[in-house]
Amino acid sequence: MYSEKPLLSIITVVRNDPVNLAKTLESVKSQSFCDYELLVIDGASFDETLDVIRKYEAQITKWVSEKDNGIYDAMNKGIRAAHGVYLQFLNAGDTYVQPKSLELVLNKDSQQYDAIYGEIDLLDERGKFLGQVPALDLTIENLKRFGTATVNHQAFFIKTEKAPFFNLRYRLKGELNWYIDILSQNNPLTFKHIPIAIIEYKQGGMGYRHFWRNLYEWICLVQKRFGLRENIRNRKTYWNFIKYRYKFLRNIRMF
């Protein structure tokens, strides 16, 4: 499983979530692809999470359990520890669609690209399949207009040498800022979009639970990086985001 320079570093961030962590580690274990290291970054859990980590310790390359400054600080720790050519964030609760998911993504043809990404199967909080969500081209224009809906970060693989650290000023929109940094700091960035579902993504994460803070950070980030004109241009996008979260608003048209 592990070599001095594995092809992939899988970074799993967790805190007090033993059930979902076990699902994720089982999904990694099921993969036919073996050229990876598995890094588990735990935020000083005080429940059974550490028991789960110890249960799967044979397949985990490295793990730490210590206090951090939020999820993006933990993800930065994973970047610092990564030895793989590529890295991927597969946090507690995220699972691969099938045992050959990694094999299909990291084939020889794909390895010439700086970044590789695909689709997700969206599940509700109970695990019911809601539909497949396609990724868009990874461009600054799409990130301006559609935010993190452009690419799902669990289905996103980037060469470790091309991956910047997350900006800790953002508690919920750090990944959007990260994508923008990736494109800004790596010009040009070569990428491949694989039109298959790679990840089963369950609703109910931090951004979903803290919806209004998430939207506020999105607006502030766009304002800071692109200015007022882009925020005015995005007003329909923001309204559609609100309607997506609150179904009773879906028949109301404002723009």
Protein backbone atom coordinates (compact mmCIF):
# COMPACT_ATOMS: atom_id res chain seq x y z
CA MET A 1 0.00 0.00 0.00
CA TYR A 2 2.65 2.52 1.00
CA SER A 3 5.85 3.40 -0.80
CA GLU A 4 8.29 6.24 -0.21
CA LYS A 5 6.62 8.22 -2.99
CA PRO A 6 3.07 6.91 -3.40
CA LEU A 7 0.97 8.12 -6.29
CA LEU A 8 -1.75 9.41 -3.97
CA SER A 9 -2.02 10.86 -0.47
CA ILE A 10 -5.55 10.40 0.91
CA ILE A 11 -6.13 12.93 3.69
CA THR A 12 -8.99 12.23 6.08
CA VAL A 13 -10.00 14.89 8.60
CA VAL A 14 -12.24 13.96 11.52
CA ARG A 15 -13.41 15.03 14.97
CA ASN A 16 -15.79 13.07 17.18
CA ASP A 17 -17.36 11.08 14.34
CA PRO A 18 -16.53 7.37 14.80
CA VAL A 19 -19.40 5.96 12.74
CA ASN A 20 -18.71 8.04 9.64
CA LEU A 21 -14.95 7.62 9.97
CA ALA A 22 -15.36 3.84 9.94
CA LYS A 23 -17.44 4.09 6.73
CA THR A 24 -14.73 6.17 5.07
CA LEU A 25 -11.87 3.89 6.13
CA GLU A 26 -13.80 0.83 4.96
CA SER A 27 -14.34 2.51 1.60
CA VAL A 28 -10.62 3.21 1.25
CA LYS A 29 -9.86 -0.38 2.23
CA SER A 30 -12.20 -1.64 -0.51
CA GLN A 31 -10.31 0.09 -3.33
CA SER A 32 -8.56 -2.03 -5.96
CA PHE A 33 -5.99 0.79 -6.29
CA CYS A 34 -3.18 0.36 -3.74
CA ASP A 35 -0.54 3.00 -4.51
CA TYR A 36 -1.58 5.40 -1.76
CA GLU A 37 -0.78 6.60 1.72
CA LEU A 38 -3.61 7.28 4.15
CA LEU A 39 -3.26 10.21 6.55
CA VAL A 40 -5.83 10.68 9.31
CA ILE A 41 -5.90 14.10 10.99
CA ASP A 42 -8.04 14.00 14.14
CA GLY A 43 -9.00 17.16 16.01
CA ALA A 44 -8.48 15.82 19.55
CA SER A 45 -11.58 13.63 19.61
CA PHE A 46 -12.82 12.58 23.03
CA ASP A 47 -15.27 9.84 21.98
CA GLU A 48 -14.81 6.45 20.25
CA THR A 49 -13.13 8.01 17.19
CA LEU A 50 -9.66 7.06 18.43
CA ASP A 51 -10.83 3.47 18.89
CA VAL A 52 -11.83 3.41 15.22
CA ILE A 53 -8.45 4.84 14.20
CA ARG A 54 -6.64 2.16 16.19
CA LYS A 55 -8.86 -0.55 14.68
CA TYR A 56 -7.76 0.48 11.18
CA GLU A 57 -4.21 1.39 12.16
CA ALA A 58 -2.70 -1.27 9.89
CA GLN A 59 -3.97 0.54 6.79
CA ILE A 60 -3.28 4.07 8.06
CA THR A 61 0.14 5.40 7.12
CA LYS A 62 0.13 8.19 9.70
CA TRP A 63 -2.35 9.69 12.14
CA VAL A 64 -2.35 12.48 14.67
CA SER A 65 -4.86 13.53 17.30
CA GLU A 66 -4.46 17.09 18.52
CA LYS A 67 -6.32 20.36 18.78
CA ASP A 68 -6.54 22.47 15.65
CA ASN A 69 -7.98 25.76 14.48
CA GLY A 70 -10.83 24.32 12.45
CA ILE A 71 -11.21 21.99 9.50
CA TYR A 72 -8.95 23.95 7.14
CA ASP A 73 -6.15 24.01 9.69
CA ALA A 74 -6.49 20.22 9.91
CA MET A 75 -6.43 19.95 6.11
CA ASN A 76 -3.27 22.07 6.03
CA LYS A 77 -1.67 19.57 8.40
CA GLY A 78 -2.55 16.88 5.89
CA ILE A 79 -0.92 18.82 3.04
CA ARG A 80 2.27 19.24 5.11
CA ALA A 81 2.39 15.52 5.84
CA ALA A 82 1.62 14.36 2.28
CA HIS A 83 4.30 12.51 0.30
CA GLY A 84 2.14 11.50 -2.65
CA VAL A 85 2.36 12.80 -6.20
CA TYR A 86 -1.34 13.72 -5.90
CA LEU A 87 -3.47 14.45 -2.86
CA GLN A 88 -7.17 14.08 -2.16
CA PHE A 89 -9.33 15.07 0.81
CA LEU A 90 -11.71 12.30 1.83
CA ASN A 91 -13.19 13.40 5.13
CA ALA A 92 -15.17 11.33 7.62
CA GLY A 93 -18.43 10.23 6.01
CA ASP A 94 -17.21 10.47 2.41
CA THR A 95 -17.04 7.22 0.46
CA TYR A 96 -16.08 6.07 -3.03
CA VAL A 97 -18.86 5.07 -5.41
CA GLN A 98 -17.24 1.75 -6.31
CA PRO A 99 -14.10 -0.31 -5.56
CA LYS A 100 -12.48 0.79 -8.84
CA SER A 101 -13.04 4.53 -8.35
CA LEU A 102 -9.38 5.38 -7.71
CA GLU A 103 -8.21 3.01 -10.42
CA LEU A 104 -10.41 4.81 -12.96
CA VAL A 105 -9.23 8.26 -11.86
CA LEU A 106 -5.49 7.68 -11.59
CA ASN A 107 -4.82 5.75 -14.76
CA LYS A 108 -1.67 6.35 -16.80
CA ASP A 109 -3.39 8.76 -19.17
CA SER A 110 -4.61 10.96 -16.31
CA GLN A 111 -1.21 11.23 -14.63
CA GLN A 112 0.04 13.81 -17.14
CA TYR A 113 -2.37 16.40 -15.67
CA ASP A 114 -1.90 18.72 -12.69
CA ALA A 115 -5.46 18.11 -11.48
CA ILE A 116 -8.10 15.46 -12.09
CA TYR A 117 -11.71 15.62 -11.01
CA GLY A 118 -15.08 13.99 -11.58
CA GLU A 119 -18.70 13.92 -10.53
CA ILE A 120 -20.42 13.03 -7.26
CA ASP A 121 -23.49 11.06 -6.32
CA LEU A 122 -25.46 13.31 -3.97
CA LEU A 123 -27.16 11.67 -0.99
CA ASP A 124 -29.47 13.22 1.58
CA GLU A 125 -28.69 13.07 5.30
CA ARG A 126 -30.32 9.63 5.51
CA GLY A 127 -28.28 8.24 2.63
CA LYS A 128 -31.01 8.42 -0.03
CA PHE A 129 -29.71 8.97 -3.56
CA LEU A 130 -30.74 12.40 -4.87
CA GLY A 131 -28.93 12.43 -8.19
CA GLN A 132 -25.56 12.79 -9.85
CA VAL A 133 -23.99 16.25 -9.74
CA PRO A 134 -21.69 17.02 -12.70
CA ALA A 135 -18.58 19.14 -12.28
CA LEU A 136 -17.93 22.22 -14.40
CA ASP A 137 -14.70 23.30 -16.03
CA LEU A 138 -12.30 24.52 -13.38
CA THR A 139 -12.01 28.16 -14.42
CA ILE A 140 -11.93 31.47 -12.56
CA GLU A 141 -15.12 32.48 -14.37
CA ASN A 142 -17.01 29.42 -13.12
CA LEU A 143 -15.65 29.89 -9.60
CA LYS A 144 -16.86 33.50 -9.66
CA ARG A 145 -20.34 32.52 -10.77
CA PHE A 146 -20.98 29.12 -9.19
CA GLY A 147 -18.60 28.93 -6.24
CA THR A 148 -17.87 25.47 -4.85
CA ALA A 149 -20.58 24.00 -7.08
CA THR A 150 -17.93 24.16 -9.82
CA VAL A 151 -16.00 21.20 -8.40
CA ASN A 152 -16.59 19.00 -5.36
CA HIS A 153 -13.34 18.86 -3.39
CA GLN A 154 -13.76 15.21 -2.38
CA ALA A 155 -13.78 14.29 -6.09
CA PHE A 156 -10.77 16.54 -6.78
CA PHE A 157 -7.18 15.29 -7.08
CA ILE A 158 -4.27 17.70 -7.43
CA LYS A 159 -0.52 17.28 -7.61
CA THR A 160 0.83 17.94 -4.15
CA GLU A 161 3.43 20.37 -5.48
CA LYS A 162 0.62 22.48 -6.96
CA ALA A 163 -1.53 22.57 -3.81
CA PRO A 164 -1.41 25.79 -1.73
CA PHE A 165 -2.41 25.89 1.92
CA PHE A 166 -5.93 26.88 2.92
CA ASN A 167 -6.49 30.43 4.14
CA LEU A 168 -7.74 30.16 7.73
CA ARG A 169 -9.68 33.43 7.61
CA TYR A 170 -12.49 31.45 5.97
CA ARG A 171 -14.26 28.94 8.20
CA LEU A 172 -16.69 27.58 5.60
CA LYS A 173 -15.58 28.83 2.18
CA GLY A 174 -11.89 27.95 2.46
CA GLU A 175 -12.12 25.47 -0.39
CA LEU A 176 -13.51 28.10 -2.79
CA ASN A 177 -10.63 30.41 -1.92
CA TRP A 178 -8.28 27.40 -2.32
CA TYR A 179 -9.50 26.73 -5.87
CA ILE A 180 -8.97 30.37 -6.78
CA ASP A 181 -5.47 30.25 -5.28
CA ILE A 182 -4.69 27.08 -7.23
CA LEU A 183 -5.57 28.72 -10.55
CA SER A 184 -3.95 32.04 -9.63
CA GLN A 185 -0.67 30.47 -8.51
CA ASN A 186 -0.42 27.82 -11.25
CA ASN A 187 -0.86 29.48 -14.60
CA PRO A 188 -1.45 27.47 -16.64
CA LEU A 189 -2.92 24.54 -14.70
CA THR A 190 -3.60 21.42 -16.73
CA PHE A 191 -6.63 19.43 -15.66
CA LYS A 192 -8.76 16.51 -16.76
CA HIS A 193 -12.50 16.18 -16.10
CA ILE A 194 -13.57 12.55 -15.84
CA PRO A 195 -17.35 12.29 -16.50
CA ILE A 196 -18.07 9.59 -13.94
CA ALA A 197 -19.24 9.68 -10.32
CA ILE A 198 -16.28 9.13 -8.00
CA ILE A 199 -17.63 10.03 -4.57
CA GLU A 200 -20.84 9.50 -2.64
CA TYR A 201 -21.38 12.85 -0.98
CA LYS A 202 -23.87 13.13 1.86
CA GLN A 203 -25.58 16.42 2.65
CA GLY A 204 -25.39 17.77 6.18
CA GLY A 205 -21.83 19.08 6.44
CA MET A 206 -20.72 22.32 8.11
CA GLY A 207 -21.69 24.52 5.18
CA TYR A 208 -25.14 22.93 5.00
CA ARG A 209 -25.75 23.23 8.75
CA HIS A 210 -24.48 26.82 8.92
CA PHE A 211 -26.17 27.95 5.72
CA TRP A 212 -26.35 31.70 6.31
CA ARG A 213 -22.76 31.96 7.55
CA ASN A 214 -21.75 29.96 4.48
CA LEU A 215 -23.57 32.36 2.14
CA TYR A 216 -22.16 35.39 3.95
CA GLU A 217 -18.59 34.10 3.58
CA TRP A 218 -19.21 33.39 -0.11
CA ILE A 219 -20.38 36.96 -0.71
CA CYS A 220 -17.46 38.40 1.29
CA LEU A 221 -14.93 36.25 -0.56
CA VAL A 222 -16.25 37.31 -3.98
CA GLN A 223 -16.23 40.94 -2.82
CA LYS A 224 -12.64 40.72 -1.62
CA ARG A 225 -11.22 38.91 -4.63
CA PHE A 226 -13.33 40.23 -7.51
CA GLY A 227 -15.20 43.33 -6.33
CA LEU A 228 -18.74 44.65 -6.07
CA ARG A 229 -19.57 44.19 -9.75
CA GLU A 230 -19.20 40.41 -9.47
CA ASN A 231 -21.42 40.31 -6.39
CA ILE A 232 -24.13 42.26 -8.21
CA ARG A 233 -23.75 39.89 -11.15
CA ASN A 234 -24.08 36.92 -8.78
CA ARG A 235 -27.37 37.96 -7.18
CA LYS A 236 -29.34 35.35 -9.16
CA THR A 237 -26.81 32.67 -8.21
CA TYR A 238 -27.14 33.55 -4.53
CA TRP A 239 -30.94 33.51 -4.76
CA ASN A 240 -30.87 30.07 -6.43
CA PHE A 241 -28.59 28.87 -3.63
CA ILE A 242 -31.17 30.02 -1.05
CA LYS A 243 -33.99 28.34 -2.98
CA TYR A 244 -32.00 25.11 -3.17
CA ARG A 245 -31.70 25.09 0.62
CA TYR A 246 -35.29 26.16 1.33
CA LYS A 247 -37.61 24.23 -0.95
CA PHE A 248 -40.71 26.33 -0.20
CA LEU A 249 -39.04 29.27 -2.02
CA ARG A 250 -38.45 27.42 -5.28
CA ASN A 251 -41.46 28.80 -7.12
CA ILE A 252 -40.59 32.40 -6.29
CA ARG A 253 -38.74 34.35 -9.00
CA MET A 254 -36.90 37.51 -8.04
CA PHE A 255 -34.40 38.01 -10.87
